[in-house]
Protein backbone atom coordinates (compact mmCIF):
# COMPACT_ATOMS: atom_id res chain seq x y z
CA MET A 1 -3.92 26.43 7.35
CA ILE A 2 -6.05 23.62 5.98
CA MET A 3 -5.62 24.85 2.42
CA MET A 4 -1.84 24.90 2.87
CA LEU A 5 -1.92 21.35 4.24
CA GLY A 6 -4.08 20.34 1.29
CA VAL A 7 -1.47 21.69 -1.11
CA VAL A 8 1.31 19.94 0.81
CA LEU A 9 -0.76 16.75 0.63
CA LEU A 10 -0.49 16.88 -3.16
CA LEU A 11 3.32 16.71 -3.14
CA PRO A 12 3.58 13.01 -2.16
CA PHE A 13 1.12 12.17 -4.94
CA TYR A 14 3.88 13.02 -7.39
CA ARG A 15 6.17 10.51 -5.66
CA VAL A 16 3.46 7.86 -5.77
CA TYR A 17 2.78 8.53 -9.44
CA LYS A 18 6.36 8.96 -10.71
CA GLY A 19 8.45 7.14 -8.10
CA PRO A 20 11.49 5.50 -9.65
CA THR A 21 11.13 2.43 -7.44
CA ILE A 22 8.20 0.73 -5.81
CA PHE A 23 9.57 1.58 -2.38
CA ASP A 24 9.54 5.30 -3.22
CA ARG A 25 5.89 4.92 -4.11
CA LEU A 26 5.29 3.10 -0.85
CA LEU A 27 6.91 5.91 1.12
CA GLY A 28 4.80 8.42 -0.77
CA ALA A 29 1.66 6.53 0.20
CA ALA A 30 2.75 6.52 3.85
CA ALA A 31 3.38 10.26 3.69
CA ILE A 32 -0.09 10.83 2.29
CA GLY A 33 -1.54 8.83 5.18
CA THR A 34 0.41 10.87 7.73
CA LYS A 35 -0.72 14.17 6.26
CA THR A 36 -4.31 12.95 6.15
CA ILE A 37 -4.17 12.18 9.87
CA THR A 38 -3.00 15.73 10.51
CA LEU A 39 -5.83 17.06 8.38
CA VAL A 40 -8.40 15.02 10.33
CA LEU A 41 -7.06 16.39 13.59
CA LEU A 42 -7.28 19.95 12.26
CA PHE A 43 -10.93 19.34 11.44
CA GLY A 44 -11.36 18.18 15.03
CA LEU A 45 -9.99 21.49 16.25
CA ILE A 46 -12.27 23.44 13.91
CA TYR A 47 -15.42 21.59 14.97
CA ASP A 48 -14.38 21.63 18.66
CA ARG A 49 -14.73 17.83 18.85
CA LEU A 50 -11.09 16.88 19.13
CA ASP A 51 -11.85 13.83 21.29
CA MET A 52 -13.91 12.21 18.53
CA PHE A 53 -11.43 13.06 15.78
CA VAL A 54 -8.49 11.72 17.80
CA ASP A 55 -10.22 8.33 17.88
CA ILE A 56 -10.82 8.49 14.14
CA SER A 57 -7.22 9.47 13.44
CA LEU A 58 -5.87 6.68 15.67
CA GLY A 59 -7.92 4.14 13.75
CA TYR A 60 -6.75 5.58 10.44
CA ALA A 61 -3.12 5.59 11.61
CA THR A 62 -3.36 1.93 12.57
CA LEU A 63 -4.87 0.99 9.21
CA ASN A 64 -2.27 3.07 7.37
CA PHE A 65 0.60 1.42 9.25
CA LEU A 66 -0.72 -2.10 8.72
CA GLY A 67 -1.42 -1.39 5.05
CA VAL A 68 2.10 -0.13 4.39
CA ILE A 69 3.65 -3.09 6.20
CA ALA A 70 1.44 -5.55 4.30
CA MET A 71 2.29 -3.95 0.94
CA ALA A 72 6.01 -3.96 1.75
CA LYS A 73 5.93 -7.65 2.71
CA TYR A 74 3.94 -8.52 -0.40
CA LEU A 75 6.25 -6.59 -2.70
CA LYS A 76 9.33 -8.07 -1.05
CA ALA A 77 7.95 -11.59 -1.53
CA THR A 78 6.93 -11.11 -5.15
CA LYS A 79 9.78 -8.97 -6.49
CA GLY A 80 12.63 -10.62 -4.60
CA PHE A 81 14.01 -7.41 -3.08
């Protein structure tokens, strides 16, 4: 299961690397963050410490959301989209 999620995590990297527009790359980065949160929660299930890993994933989700919003605002201000 984790190996399959790891392979699926590689798919958005293509969009980040080859995205035709900057917003496609931004969406790819957000997808990578979402899949990473799922991977962290799966590790919590494996180690039987889901309570600790839920806290870690909530912190990561907050940082991921704020980072994507900040990048979108910055790119909108500099590129004139």
